[in-house]
N, C-alpha and C. Protein backbone atom coordinates (compact mmCIF):
# COMPACT_ATOMS: atom_id res chain seq x y z
N UNK A 1 0.82 -1.18 -0.01
CA UNK A 1 -0.01 -0.02 0.04
C UNK A 1 0.89 1.23 0.01
N UNK A 2 0.70 2.09 -0.99
CA UNK A 2 1.55 3.30 -1.09
C UNK A 2 1.18 4.26 -0.03
N UNK A 3 1.98 5.34 0.14
CA UNK A 3 1.79 6.27 1.16
C UNK A 3 0.47 7.03 0.85
N UNK A 4 0.25 7.27 -0.50
CA UNK A 4 -0.96 8.04 -0.81
C UNK A 4 -2.20 7.27 -0.52
N UNK A 5 -2.17 5.99 -0.97
CA UNK A 5 -3.33 5.18 -0.74
C UNK A 5 -3.63 4.95 0.72
N UNK A 6 -2.55 4.77 1.51
CA UNK A 6 -2.78 4.58 2.95
C UNK A 6 -3.35 5.85 3.57
N UNK A 7 -2.85 7.01 3.14
CA UNK A 7 -3.32 8.28 3.71
C UNK A 7 -4.83 8.45 3.40
N UNK A 8 -5.20 7.98 2.21
CA UNK A 8 -6.67 8.12 1.87
C UNK A 8 -7.43 7.12 2.69
N UNK A 9 -6.86 5.92 2.83
CA UNK A 9 -7.56 4.91 3.66
C UNK A 9 -7.72 5.34 5.06
N UNK A 10 -6.68 5.96 5.64
CA UNK A 10 -6.72 6.37 7.05
C UNK A 10 -7.78 7.44 7.27
N UNK A 11 -8.09 8.19 6.22
CA UNK A 11 -9.12 9.22 6.37
C UNK A 11 -10.49 8.65 6.61
N UNK A 12 -10.64 7.34 6.31
CA UNK A 12 -11.97 6.66 6.57
C UNK A 12 -12.23 6.38 8.00
N UNK A 13 -11.25 6.53 8.86
CA UNK A 13 -11.51 6.33 10.30
C UNK A 13 -11.48 4.84 10.68
N UNK A 14 -11.82 4.56 11.91
CA UNK A 14 -11.70 3.16 12.45
C UNK A 14 -12.72 2.26 11.77
N UNK A 15 -13.79 2.66 11.26
CA UNK A 15 -14.76 1.78 10.61
C UNK A 15 -14.08 1.12 9.41
N UNK A 16 -13.12 1.75 8.75
CA UNK A 16 -12.46 1.20 7.55
C UNK A 16 -11.81 -0.11 8.00
N UNK A 17 -11.18 -0.14 9.14
CA UNK A 17 -10.54 -1.36 9.63
C UNK A 17 -11.51 -2.51 9.83
N UNK A 18 -12.70 -2.14 10.39
CA UNK A 18 -13.76 -3.23 10.50
C UNK A 18 -14.13 -3.81 9.13
N UNK A 19 -14.22 -2.91 8.16
CA UNK A 19 -14.62 -3.35 6.79
C UNK A 19 -13.45 -4.19 6.17
N UNK A 20 -12.24 -3.86 6.44
CA UNK A 20 -11.14 -4.67 6.02
C UNK A 20 -11.19 -6.07 6.54
N UNK A 21 -11.45 -6.20 7.84
CA UNK A 21 -11.64 -7.44 8.50
C UNK A 21 -12.76 -8.25 7.89
N UNK A 22 -13.87 -7.65 7.60
CA UNK A 22 -15.00 -8.30 6.98
C UNK A 22 -14.58 -8.78 5.58
N UNK A 23 -13.92 -7.94 4.85
CA UNK A 23 -13.45 -8.37 3.49
C UNK A 23 -12.51 -9.56 3.55
N UNK A 24 -11.56 -9.55 4.48
CA UNK A 24 -10.63 -10.66 4.59
C UNK A 24 -11.35 -11.95 4.99
N UNK A 25 -12.32 -11.83 5.88
CA UNK A 25 -13.14 -12.99 6.32
C UNK A 25 -13.89 -13.52 5.09
N UNK A 26 -14.46 -12.64 4.27
CA UNK A 26 -15.21 -13.15 3.12
C UNK A 26 -14.28 -13.86 2.12
N UNK A 27 -13.09 -13.35 1.96
CA UNK A 27 -12.13 -14.01 1.01
C UNK A 27 -11.78 -15.38 1.55
N UNK A 28 -11.45 -15.49 2.85
CA UNK A 28 -11.11 -16.79 3.42
C UNK A 28 -12.29 -17.73 3.29
N UNK A 29 -13.43 -17.30 3.63
CA UNK A 29 -14.63 -18.26 3.56
C UNK A 29 -14.87 -18.69 2.07
N UNK A 30 -14.71 -17.78 1.14
CA UNK A 30 -15.00 -18.18 -0.17
C UNK A 30 -13.98 -19.17 -0.79
N UNK A 31 -12.74 -18.86 -0.41
CA UNK A 31 -11.67 -19.81 -0.94
C UNK A 31 -11.88 -21.18 -0.30
N UNK A 32 -12.12 -21.23 1.00
CA UNK A 32 -12.26 -22.52 1.66
C UNK A 32 -13.47 -23.30 1.12
N UNK A 33 -14.60 -22.60 0.97
CA UNK A 33 -15.78 -23.29 0.42
C UNK A 33 -15.68 -23.68 -1.01
N UNK A 34 -15.02 -22.83 -1.79
CA UNK A 34 -14.80 -23.14 -3.21
C UNK A 34 -13.99 -24.39 -3.43
N UNK A 35 -12.88 -24.47 -2.65
CA UNK A 35 -12.02 -25.59 -2.72
C UNK A 35 -12.73 -26.88 -2.20
N UNK A 36 -13.54 -26.77 -1.14
CA UNK A 36 -14.24 -27.86 -0.57
C UNK A 36 -15.29 -28.45 -1.64
N UNK A 37 -16.01 -27.47 -2.21
CA UNK A 37 -17.00 -27.95 -3.20
C UNK A 37 -16.37 -28.47 -4.48
N UNK A 38 -15.22 -27.89 -4.81
CA UNK A 38 -14.50 -28.41 -6.01
C UNK A 38 -14.09 -29.81 -5.81
N UNK A 39 -13.53 -30.12 -4.58
CA UNK A 39 -13.12 -31.51 -4.34
C UNK A 39 -14.33 -32.48 -4.33
N UNK A 40 -15.48 -31.96 -3.96
CA UNK A 40 -16.62 -32.84 -3.92
C UNK A 40 -17.33 -33.09 -5.30
N UNK A 41 -16.88 -32.30 -6.31
CA UNK A 41 -17.52 -32.42 -7.65
C UNK A 41 -16.77 -33.48 -8.39
N UNK A 42 -17.55 -34.56 -8.80
CA UNK A 42 -16.97 -35.66 -9.57
C UNK A 42 -17.75 -35.81 -10.83
N UNK A 43 -17.22 -36.63 -11.72
CA UNK A 43 -18.00 -36.98 -12.96
C UNK A 43 -19.03 -38.07 -12.56
N UNK A 44 -20.17 -37.64 -12.22
CA UNK A 44 -21.15 -38.59 -11.65
C UNK A 44 -21.52 -39.69 -12.62
N UNK A 45 -21.66 -39.32 -13.96
CA UNK A 45 -22.04 -40.34 -14.91
C UNK A 45 -20.98 -41.50 -15.03
N UNK A 46 -19.68 -41.08 -15.08
CA UNK A 46 -18.65 -42.07 -15.19
C UNK A 46 -18.52 -42.85 -13.93
N UNK A 47 -18.66 -42.23 -12.79
CA UNK A 47 -18.53 -42.90 -11.49
C UNK A 47 -19.65 -43.91 -11.35
N UNK A 48 -20.91 -43.54 -11.67
CA UNK A 48 -22.05 -44.46 -11.51
C UNK A 48 -21.90 -45.60 -12.59
N UNK A 49 -21.33 -45.22 -13.72
CA UNK A 49 -21.08 -46.29 -14.74
C UNK A 49 -20.15 -47.36 -14.18
N UNK A 50 -19.09 -46.93 -13.57
CA UNK A 50 -18.15 -47.85 -12.95
C UNK A 50 -18.81 -48.73 -11.82
N UNK A 51 -19.69 -48.15 -11.06
CA UNK A 51 -20.39 -48.81 -10.02
C UNK A 51 -21.29 -49.91 -10.69
N UNK A 52 -22.02 -49.53 -11.74
CA UNK A 52 -22.85 -50.53 -12.40
C UNK A 52 -22.07 -51.66 -12.98
N UNK A 53 -20.89 -51.42 -13.53
CA UNK A 53 -20.09 -52.50 -14.14
C UNK A 53 -19.68 -53.44 -13.08
N UNK A 54 -19.32 -52.91 -11.89
CA UNK A 54 -18.89 -53.84 -10.76
C UNK A 54 -20.10 -54.69 -10.30
N UNK A 55 -21.31 -54.04 -10.22
CA UNK A 55 -22.47 -54.76 -9.75
C UNK A 55 -22.83 -55.82 -10.69
N UNK A 56 -22.69 -55.52 -12.02
CA UNK A 56 -23.05 -56.55 -13.04
C UNK A 56 -22.15 -57.73 -12.93
N UNK A 57 -20.99 -57.60 -12.38
CA UNK A 57 -20.01 -58.70 -12.21
C UNK A 57 -20.17 -59.24 -10.74
N UNK A 58 -21.25 -58.80 -10.03
CA UNK A 58 -21.44 -59.25 -8.67
C UNK A 58 -20.31 -58.92 -7.74
N UNK A 59 -19.72 -57.80 -7.92
CA UNK A 59 -18.59 -57.37 -7.06
C UNK A 59 -19.06 -56.20 -6.19
N UNK A 60 -20.01 -56.50 -5.32
CA UNK A 60 -20.54 -55.47 -4.42
C UNK A 60 -19.51 -54.86 -3.54
N UNK A 61 -18.67 -55.68 -2.93
CA UNK A 61 -17.67 -55.15 -2.05
C UNK A 61 -16.68 -54.23 -2.73
N UNK A 62 -16.29 -54.52 -4.00
CA UNK A 62 -15.45 -53.66 -4.75
C UNK A 62 -16.16 -52.31 -5.06
N UNK A 63 -17.44 -52.39 -5.28
CA UNK A 63 -18.22 -51.15 -5.48
C UNK A 63 -18.24 -50.31 -4.25
N UNK A 64 -18.40 -50.94 -3.05
CA UNK A 64 -18.34 -50.17 -1.81
C UNK A 64 -17.01 -49.55 -1.59
N UNK A 65 -15.93 -50.35 -1.90
CA UNK A 65 -14.52 -49.77 -1.79
C UNK A 65 -14.36 -48.57 -2.67
N UNK A 66 -14.85 -48.64 -3.89
CA UNK A 66 -14.79 -47.51 -4.84
C UNK A 66 -15.45 -46.27 -4.25
N UNK A 67 -16.65 -46.47 -3.58
CA UNK A 67 -17.28 -45.36 -2.98
C UNK A 67 -16.46 -44.78 -1.82
N UNK A 68 -15.82 -45.68 -1.07
CA UNK A 68 -14.94 -45.23 0.01
C UNK A 68 -13.80 -44.36 -0.49
N UNK A 69 -13.27 -44.73 -1.61
CA UNK A 69 -12.10 -44.01 -2.17
C UNK A 69 -12.44 -42.76 -2.94
N UNK A 70 -13.72 -42.57 -3.27
CA UNK A 70 -14.13 -41.44 -4.04
C UNK A 70 -14.66 -40.34 -3.19
N UNK A 71 -14.10 -39.11 -3.26
CA UNK A 71 -14.57 -38.08 -2.39
C UNK A 71 -15.91 -37.46 -2.91
N UNK A 72 -16.57 -36.78 -1.99
CA UNK A 72 -17.77 -36.06 -2.40
C UNK A 72 -19.05 -36.68 -1.91
N UNK A 73 -20.11 -35.92 -1.95
CA UNK A 73 -21.43 -36.35 -1.45
C UNK A 73 -22.08 -37.50 -2.34
N UNK A 74 -21.82 -37.40 -3.66
CA UNK A 74 -22.43 -38.39 -4.58
C UNK A 74 -21.99 -39.80 -4.21
N UNK A 75 -20.70 -40.00 -3.96
CA UNK A 75 -20.19 -41.32 -3.56
C UNK A 75 -20.82 -41.76 -2.27
N UNK A 76 -21.05 -40.86 -1.29
CA UNK A 76 -21.61 -41.24 -0.09
C UNK A 76 -23.10 -41.71 -0.18
N UNK A 77 -23.81 -40.98 -1.05
CA UNK A 77 -25.17 -41.41 -1.30
C UNK A 77 -25.26 -42.75 -1.99
N UNK A 78 -24.41 -42.95 -2.95
CA UNK A 78 -24.32 -44.17 -3.64
C UNK A 78 -23.96 -45.35 -2.61
N UNK A 79 -23.00 -45.08 -1.80
CA UNK A 79 -22.59 -46.10 -0.83
C UNK A 79 -23.73 -46.47 0.10
N UNK A 80 -24.57 -45.47 0.52
CA UNK A 80 -25.70 -45.72 1.38
C UNK A 80 -26.68 -46.62 0.69
N UNK A 81 -26.92 -46.39 -0.67
CA UNK A 81 -27.83 -47.27 -1.43
C UNK A 81 -27.26 -48.72 -1.60
N UNK A 82 -25.99 -48.78 -1.81
CA UNK A 82 -25.32 -50.14 -1.98
C UNK A 82 -25.38 -50.96 -0.70
N UNK A 83 -25.29 -50.30 0.47
CA UNK A 83 -25.38 -50.98 1.72
C UNK A 83 -26.77 -51.67 1.89
N UNK A 84 -27.77 -51.19 1.18
CA UNK A 84 -29.08 -51.71 1.31
C UNK A 84 -29.56 -52.30 -0.08
N UNK A 85 -28.60 -52.81 -0.85
CA UNK A 85 -28.82 -53.38 -2.15
C UNK A 85 -29.82 -54.51 -2.12
N UNK A 86 -29.86 -55.28 -1.05
CA UNK A 86 -30.74 -56.48 -0.98
C UNK A 86 -32.05 -56.17 -0.18
N UNK A 87 -32.20 -54.94 0.25
CA UNK A 87 -33.41 -54.62 1.06
C UNK A 87 -34.53 -54.25 0.13
N UNK A 88 -35.70 -54.06 0.71
CA UNK A 88 -36.83 -53.59 -0.13
C UNK A 88 -36.65 -52.16 -0.61
N UNK A 89 -37.53 -51.81 -1.50
CA UNK A 89 -37.44 -50.45 -2.17
C UNK A 89 -37.56 -49.31 -1.08
N UNK A 90 -38.52 -49.50 -0.18
CA UNK A 90 -38.67 -48.39 0.84
C UNK A 90 -37.45 -48.19 1.70
N UNK A 91 -36.88 -49.30 2.09
CA UNK A 91 -35.68 -49.18 2.99
C UNK A 91 -34.53 -48.63 2.25
N UNK A 92 -34.37 -49.01 0.95
CA UNK A 92 -33.30 -48.47 0.12
C UNK A 92 -33.49 -46.97 -0.09
N UNK A 93 -34.69 -46.57 -0.44
CA UNK A 93 -35.02 -45.12 -0.67
C UNK A 93 -34.81 -44.30 0.59
N UNK A 94 -35.16 -44.85 1.71
CA UNK A 94 -34.91 -44.12 3.06
C UNK A 94 -33.41 -43.97 3.30
N UNK A 95 -32.60 -44.96 3.10
CA UNK A 95 -31.22 -44.93 3.25
C UNK A 95 -30.61 -43.81 2.38
N UNK A 96 -31.00 -43.76 1.07
CA UNK A 96 -30.41 -42.80 0.16
C UNK A 96 -30.84 -41.38 0.58
N UNK A 97 -32.09 -41.20 0.95
CA UNK A 97 -32.57 -39.90 1.31
C UNK A 97 -31.88 -39.41 2.60
N UNK A 98 -31.70 -40.38 3.52
CA UNK A 98 -31.04 -40.02 4.84
C UNK A 98 -29.57 -39.56 4.51
N UNK A 99 -28.90 -40.24 3.64
CA UNK A 99 -27.51 -39.85 3.36
C UNK A 99 -27.47 -38.46 2.70
N UNK A 100 -28.42 -38.21 1.84
CA UNK A 100 -28.44 -36.90 1.21
C UNK A 100 -28.75 -35.80 2.20
N UNK A 101 -29.68 -36.07 3.11
CA UNK A 101 -29.99 -35.12 4.12
C UNK A 101 -28.82 -34.72 5.02
N UNK A 102 -28.00 -35.76 5.28
CA UNK A 102 -26.81 -35.54 6.11
C UNK A 102 -25.76 -34.68 5.31
N UNK A 103 -25.63 -34.93 4.01
CA UNK A 103 -24.63 -34.23 3.21
C UNK A 103 -24.99 -32.80 2.93
N UNK A 104 -26.27 -32.45 2.74
CA UNK A 104 -26.64 -31.09 2.34
C UNK A 104 -26.14 -30.07 3.28
N UNK A 105 -26.34 -30.22 4.61
CA UNK A 105 -25.82 -29.15 5.56
C UNK A 105 -24.29 -29.02 5.49
N UNK A 106 -23.61 -30.13 5.23
CA UNK A 106 -22.12 -30.01 5.07
C UNK A 106 -21.77 -29.16 3.90
N UNK A 107 -22.53 -29.31 2.75
CA UNK A 107 -22.24 -28.52 1.60
C UNK A 107 -22.57 -27.05 1.83
N UNK A 108 -23.58 -26.77 2.57
CA UNK A 108 -24.04 -25.42 2.75
C UNK A 108 -23.35 -24.70 3.94
N UNK A 109 -22.51 -25.38 4.66
CA UNK A 109 -21.82 -24.84 5.86
C UNK A 109 -21.01 -23.57 5.48
N UNK A 110 -21.18 -22.55 6.23
CA UNK A 110 -20.42 -21.27 6.14
C UNK A 110 -20.92 -20.42 5.00
N UNK A 111 -21.73 -20.88 4.10
CA UNK A 111 -22.15 -20.00 3.00
C UNK A 111 -23.06 -18.89 3.50
N UNK A 112 -23.83 -19.21 4.59
CA UNK A 112 -24.69 -18.20 5.18
C UNK A 112 -23.87 -17.07 5.78
N UNK A 113 -22.60 -17.34 6.18
CA UNK A 113 -21.69 -16.34 6.75
C UNK A 113 -21.38 -15.30 5.67
N UNK A 114 -21.21 -15.72 4.38
CA UNK A 114 -21.00 -14.74 3.33
C UNK A 114 -22.16 -13.89 3.08
N UNK A 115 -23.41 -14.48 3.24
CA UNK A 115 -24.63 -13.68 3.06
C UNK A 115 -24.65 -12.64 4.20
N UNK A 116 -24.25 -13.03 5.41
CA UNK A 116 -24.32 -12.14 6.56
C UNK A 116 -23.32 -10.94 6.32
N UNK A 117 -22.08 -11.30 5.81
CA UNK A 117 -21.12 -10.24 5.55
C UNK A 117 -21.60 -9.21 4.45
N UNK A 118 -22.26 -9.85 3.49
CA UNK A 118 -22.89 -8.94 2.40
C UNK A 118 -23.90 -8.00 2.92
N UNK A 119 -24.57 -8.46 3.96
CA UNK A 119 -25.73 -7.62 4.58
C UNK A 119 -25.06 -6.60 5.60
N UNK A 120 -24.08 -7.03 6.29
CA UNK A 120 -23.53 -6.21 7.37
C UNK A 120 -22.57 -5.11 6.94
N UNK A 121 -21.81 -5.46 5.78
CA UNK A 121 -20.81 -4.47 5.28
C UNK A 121 -21.50 -3.07 4.96
N UNK A 122 -22.58 -3.05 4.24
CA UNK A 122 -23.23 -1.69 3.96
C UNK A 122 -23.69 -1.02 5.26
N UNK A 123 -24.07 -1.81 6.26
CA UNK A 123 -24.42 -1.15 7.51
C UNK A 123 -23.22 -0.54 8.22
N UNK A 124 -22.10 -1.20 8.15
CA UNK A 124 -20.86 -0.58 8.72
C UNK A 124 -20.58 0.67 7.89
N UNK A 125 -20.71 0.58 6.57
CA UNK A 125 -20.46 1.71 5.75
C UNK A 125 -21.42 2.96 6.15
N UNK A 126 -22.67 2.59 6.39
CA UNK A 126 -23.58 3.62 6.83
C UNK A 126 -23.20 4.19 8.25
N UNK A 127 -22.77 3.27 9.09
CA UNK A 127 -22.22 3.75 10.37
C UNK A 127 -21.13 4.75 10.29
N UNK A 128 -20.19 4.40 9.40
CA UNK A 128 -19.05 5.27 9.10
C UNK A 128 -19.52 6.62 8.51
N UNK A 129 -20.53 6.58 7.60
CA UNK A 129 -21.11 7.77 7.10
C UNK A 129 -21.64 8.70 8.13
N UNK A 130 -22.39 8.11 8.96
CA UNK A 130 -23.05 8.87 10.04
C UNK A 130 -22.02 9.45 10.97
N UNK A 131 -21.02 8.60 11.37
CA UNK A 131 -19.89 9.18 12.15
C UNK A 131 -19.22 10.35 11.47
N UNK A 132 -18.98 10.16 10.23
CA UNK A 132 -18.29 11.28 9.45
C UNK A 132 -19.14 12.54 9.44
N UNK A 133 -20.41 12.35 9.17
CA UNK A 133 -21.29 13.57 9.19
C UNK A 133 -21.40 14.25 10.56
N UNK A 134 -21.43 13.41 11.58
CA UNK A 134 -21.45 13.95 12.94
C UNK A 134 -20.12 14.71 13.20
N UNK A 135 -19.02 14.12 12.81
CA UNK A 135 -17.80 14.80 12.99
C UNK A 135 -17.72 16.14 12.21
N UNK A 136 -18.26 16.12 10.98
CA UNK A 136 -18.33 17.35 10.20
C UNK A 136 -19.16 18.48 10.87
N UNK A 137 -20.27 18.16 11.36
CA UNK A 137 -21.13 19.19 12.04
C UNK A 137 -20.52 19.59 13.35
N UNK A 138 -19.89 18.66 14.02
CA UNK A 138 -19.17 19.05 15.31
C UNK A 138 -18.10 20.01 15.02
N UNK A 139 -17.29 19.78 14.02
CA UNK A 139 -16.24 20.69 13.70
C UNK A 139 -16.78 22.04 13.19
N UNK A 140 -17.83 22.00 12.44
CA UNK A 140 -18.50 23.18 11.97
C UNK A 140 -18.95 24.06 13.13
N UNK A 141 -19.58 23.33 14.06
CA UNK A 141 -20.05 24.06 15.29
C UNK A 141 -18.91 24.65 16.12
N UNK A 142 -17.81 23.89 16.17
CA UNK A 142 -16.67 24.36 17.02
C UNK A 142 -15.98 25.56 16.27
N UNK A 143 -16.00 25.52 14.95
CA UNK A 143 -15.30 26.61 14.24
C UNK A 143 -16.09 27.91 14.10
N UNK A 144 -17.34 27.76 14.30
CA UNK A 144 -18.22 28.93 14.16
C UNK A 144 -18.16 29.57 12.80
N UNK A 145 -17.99 30.84 12.73
CA UNK A 145 -17.91 31.54 11.45
C UNK A 145 -16.60 31.37 10.76
N UNK A 146 -15.56 30.72 11.48
CA UNK A 146 -14.23 30.58 10.95
C UNK A 146 -13.94 29.17 10.49
N UNK A 147 -14.96 28.32 10.45
CA UNK A 147 -14.71 26.96 10.02
C UNK A 147 -14.34 26.91 8.55
N UNK A 148 -13.14 26.29 8.28
CA UNK A 148 -12.67 26.30 6.91
C UNK A 148 -13.00 24.96 6.22
N UNK A 149 -13.05 24.88 4.93
CA UNK A 149 -13.26 23.64 4.18
C UNK A 149 -12.25 22.62 4.53
N UNK A 150 -10.97 22.96 4.73
CA UNK A 150 -10.02 21.99 5.12
C UNK A 150 -10.37 21.22 6.38
N UNK A 151 -10.81 22.01 7.38
CA UNK A 151 -11.22 21.37 8.66
C UNK A 151 -12.40 20.44 8.45
N UNK A 152 -13.33 20.88 7.68
CA UNK A 152 -14.59 20.11 7.50
C UNK A 152 -14.40 18.94 6.55
N UNK A 153 -13.37 18.98 5.77
CA UNK A 153 -13.16 17.84 4.75
C UNK A 153 -12.90 16.54 5.46
N UNK A 154 -12.32 16.55 6.64
CA UNK A 154 -11.98 15.28 7.29
C UNK A 154 -13.25 14.44 7.56
N UNK A 155 -14.29 15.07 8.04
CA UNK A 155 -15.52 14.29 8.24
C UNK A 155 -16.15 13.83 7.03
N UNK A 156 -16.07 14.69 5.96
CA UNK A 156 -16.68 14.30 4.70
C UNK A 156 -15.97 13.12 4.05
N UNK A 157 -14.57 13.13 4.20
CA UNK A 157 -13.79 12.04 3.73
C UNK A 157 -14.22 10.71 4.42
N UNK A 158 -14.35 10.78 5.73
CA UNK A 158 -14.72 9.55 6.49
C UNK A 158 -16.12 9.11 6.05
N UNK A 159 -17.04 9.99 5.84
CA UNK A 159 -18.38 9.62 5.46
C UNK A 159 -18.40 8.94 4.05
N UNK A 160 -17.70 9.57 3.10
CA UNK A 160 -17.76 9.01 1.76
C UNK A 160 -16.94 7.67 1.60
N UNK A 161 -15.73 7.67 2.24
CA UNK A 161 -14.88 6.44 2.14
C UNK A 161 -15.52 5.24 2.70
N UNK A 162 -16.12 5.44 3.91
CA UNK A 162 -16.72 4.22 4.56
C UNK A 162 -17.96 3.70 3.84
N UNK A 163 -18.68 4.67 3.23
CA UNK A 163 -19.85 4.26 2.36
C UNK A 163 -19.43 3.47 1.22
N UNK A 164 -18.39 3.95 0.53
CA UNK A 164 -17.86 3.27 -0.62
C UNK A 164 -17.22 1.90 -0.27
N UNK A 165 -16.54 1.84 0.83
CA UNK A 165 -15.86 0.64 1.27
C UNK A 165 -16.92 -0.44 1.66
N UNK A 166 -17.96 0.01 2.26
CA UNK A 166 -19.08 -1.00 2.61
C UNK A 166 -19.65 -1.68 1.41
N UNK A 167 -19.81 -0.86 0.33
CA UNK A 167 -20.40 -1.42 -0.93
C UNK A 167 -19.35 -2.28 -1.62
N UNK A 168 -18.09 -1.83 -1.49
CA UNK A 168 -17.04 -2.67 -2.16
C UNK A 168 -16.89 -4.01 -1.54
N UNK A 169 -17.08 -4.14 -0.25
CA UNK A 169 -17.00 -5.43 0.44
C UNK A 169 -18.28 -6.22 0.19
N UNK A 170 -19.47 -5.58 0.18
CA UNK A 170 -20.74 -6.28 0.08
C UNK A 170 -20.94 -6.90 -1.30
N UNK A 171 -20.61 -6.22 -2.38
CA UNK A 171 -20.91 -6.77 -3.75
C UNK A 171 -20.13 -8.07 -3.98
N UNK A 172 -18.80 -8.15 -3.79
CA UNK A 172 -18.17 -9.45 -4.02
C UNK A 172 -18.63 -10.56 -3.11
N UNK A 173 -18.96 -10.19 -1.87
CA UNK A 173 -19.48 -11.24 -0.92
C UNK A 173 -20.77 -11.79 -1.42
N UNK A 174 -21.65 -10.89 -1.90
CA UNK A 174 -22.95 -11.35 -2.41
C UNK A 174 -22.75 -12.24 -3.67
N UNK A 175 -21.83 -11.78 -4.54
CA UNK A 175 -21.60 -12.62 -5.77
C UNK A 175 -20.94 -14.01 -5.36
N UNK A 176 -20.06 -14.01 -4.37
CA UNK A 176 -19.49 -15.23 -4.01
C UNK A 176 -20.52 -16.18 -3.38
N UNK A 177 -21.42 -15.60 -2.63
CA UNK A 177 -22.50 -16.42 -2.04
C UNK A 177 -23.36 -17.04 -3.08
N UNK A 178 -23.72 -16.27 -4.09
CA UNK A 178 -24.55 -16.80 -5.17
C UNK A 178 -23.79 -17.85 -6.00
N UNK A 179 -22.48 -17.63 -6.19
CA UNK A 179 -21.70 -18.65 -6.84
C UNK A 179 -21.59 -19.97 -6.16
N UNK A 180 -21.38 -19.88 -4.80
CA UNK A 180 -21.24 -21.13 -4.00
C UNK A 180 -22.61 -21.84 -3.88
N UNK A 181 -23.65 -21.07 -3.81
CA UNK A 181 -25.06 -21.65 -3.78
C UNK A 181 -25.34 -22.43 -5.04
N UNK A 182 -24.90 -21.85 -6.19
CA UNK A 182 -25.06 -22.57 -7.43
C UNK A 182 -24.26 -23.86 -7.48
N UNK A 183 -23.08 -23.87 -6.94
CA UNK A 183 -22.28 -25.05 -6.87
C UNK A 183 -22.95 -26.11 -5.98
N UNK A 184 -23.53 -25.69 -4.87
CA UNK A 184 -24.19 -26.60 -3.99
C UNK A 184 -25.46 -27.17 -4.67
N UNK A 185 -26.17 -26.30 -5.34
CA UNK A 185 -27.36 -26.79 -6.05
C UNK A 185 -27.00 -27.86 -7.07
N UNK A 186 -25.84 -27.68 -7.79
CA UNK A 186 -25.41 -28.65 -8.78
C UNK A 186 -25.06 -29.96 -8.10
N UNK A 187 -24.41 -29.91 -6.96
CA UNK A 187 -24.10 -31.18 -6.25
C UNK A 187 -25.33 -31.90 -5.74
N UNK A 188 -26.31 -31.13 -5.30
CA UNK A 188 -27.55 -31.75 -4.79
C UNK A 188 -28.25 -32.43 -5.93
N UNK A 189 -28.29 -31.81 -7.11
CA UNK A 189 -28.90 -32.45 -8.28
C UNK A 189 -28.14 -33.66 -8.72
N UNK A 190 -26.81 -33.69 -8.57
CA UNK A 190 -26.04 -34.90 -8.89
C UNK A 190 -26.41 -36.00 -7.91
N UNK A 191 -26.56 -35.64 -6.60
CA UNK A 191 -26.94 -36.61 -5.64
C UNK A 191 -28.28 -37.31 -5.88
N UNK A 192 -29.24 -36.39 -6.21
CA UNK A 192 -30.58 -36.86 -6.54
C UNK A 192 -30.59 -37.80 -7.71
N UNK A 193 -29.85 -37.40 -8.76
CA UNK A 193 -29.82 -38.19 -9.94
C UNK A 193 -29.14 -39.52 -9.69
N UNK A 194 -27.97 -39.52 -8.97
CA UNK A 194 -27.30 -40.75 -8.75
C UNK A 194 -28.06 -41.70 -7.82
N UNK A 195 -28.73 -41.16 -6.88
CA UNK A 195 -29.57 -41.99 -5.99
C UNK A 195 -30.75 -42.65 -6.80
N UNK A 196 -31.36 -41.85 -7.62
CA UNK A 196 -32.47 -42.39 -8.47
C UNK A 196 -31.97 -43.44 -9.46
N UNK A 197 -30.90 -43.16 -10.13
CA UNK A 197 -30.34 -44.15 -11.04
C UNK A 197 -29.88 -45.41 -10.43
N UNK A 198 -29.21 -45.34 -9.27
CA UNK A 198 -28.76 -46.47 -8.48
C UNK A 198 -29.94 -47.36 -8.08
N UNK A 199 -31.00 -46.69 -7.52
CA UNK A 199 -32.17 -47.49 -7.16
C UNK A 199 -32.81 -48.22 -8.39
N UNK A 200 -32.96 -47.54 -9.48
CA UNK A 200 -33.49 -48.18 -10.63
C UNK A 200 -32.64 -49.38 -11.11
N UNK A 201 -31.33 -49.18 -11.07
CA UNK A 201 -30.48 -50.30 -11.47
C UNK A 201 -30.51 -51.47 -10.46
N UNK A 202 -30.50 -51.21 -9.14
CA UNK A 202 -30.53 -52.24 -8.20
C UNK A 202 -31.85 -53.02 -8.26
N UNK A 203 -32.92 -52.37 -8.50
CA UNK A 203 -34.26 -53.02 -8.46
C UNK A 203 -34.55 -53.75 -9.72
N UNK A 204 -34.04 -53.28 -10.83
CA UNK A 204 -34.37 -53.90 -12.08
C UNK A 204 -33.30 -54.86 -12.71
N UNK A 205 -32.09 -54.43 -12.49
CA UNK A 205 -31.00 -55.19 -13.15
C UNK A 205 -30.16 -56.01 -12.17
N UNK A 206 -29.77 -55.44 -11.06
CA UNK A 206 -28.83 -56.16 -10.16
C UNK A 206 -29.54 -57.36 -9.51
N UNK A 207 -30.85 -57.25 -9.22
CA UNK A 207 -31.51 -58.35 -8.58
C UNK A 207 -32.06 -59.31 -9.64
N UNK A 208 -32.12 -58.85 -10.89
CA UNK A 208 -32.59 -59.76 -11.95
C UNK A 208 -34.02 -60.12 -11.83
N UNK A 209 -34.83 -59.08 -11.40
CA UNK A 209 -36.32 -59.37 -11.27
C UNK A 209 -36.93 -59.33 -12.66
N UNK A 210 -37.42 -60.37 -13.18
CA UNK A 210 -38.02 -60.39 -14.52
C UNK A 210 -39.26 -59.52 -14.59
N UNK A 211 -39.95 -59.45 -13.47
CA UNK A 211 -41.18 -58.62 -13.49
C UNK A 211 -40.90 -57.17 -13.64
N UNK A 212 -39.69 -56.70 -13.20
CA UNK A 212 -39.31 -55.24 -13.33
C UNK A 212 -38.73 -54.94 -14.67
N UNK A 213 -38.24 -56.02 -15.36
CA UNK A 213 -37.60 -55.75 -16.71
C UNK A 213 -38.61 -55.61 -17.80
N UNK A 214 -39.84 -56.01 -17.55
CA UNK A 214 -40.85 -55.98 -18.63
C UNK A 214 -41.21 -54.52 -18.93
């Protein structure tokens, strides 16, 4: 940070430091969540195709091992279904749904914190604006008829800089939240698709029920 930029930043007052902390927190949350969701994103079609190939060869244990070695919520949902491969349809469906319900909060964890930062940052900016205006009028009152623009400019700087900084922090945080929510939605859709496809395969093909194949 250059001397000029720091001098401008310092004119924003103490609220600017709170906004910097919020901005850093938003960056850390976004990077952590983005990496976590990226690791959980797999090629569901290829993964489920491999599971089906193993089941067609009656290698259920190898299919379970593949689920253990594959990261992400899709593999965990498929694993829950495989553990109930010989149960009735209701028990299998309940196991898959229960696994999905457990995984969804893990995917959504900390994303609400980004939404909170996006909402709080403009409020901090408004607080800084109010403090700056209060400072301006206080200085004007103290200076009486001799209050100069240079003296009054300090409060105006604080008011404008904090308002701008609040918006600067809020907009990226809001965009990051929407981006992560979209990634979570895509993973949830993959889980639903994988669970449905696995159930269909287990009930119709893996068990070899002729009545289901008609």
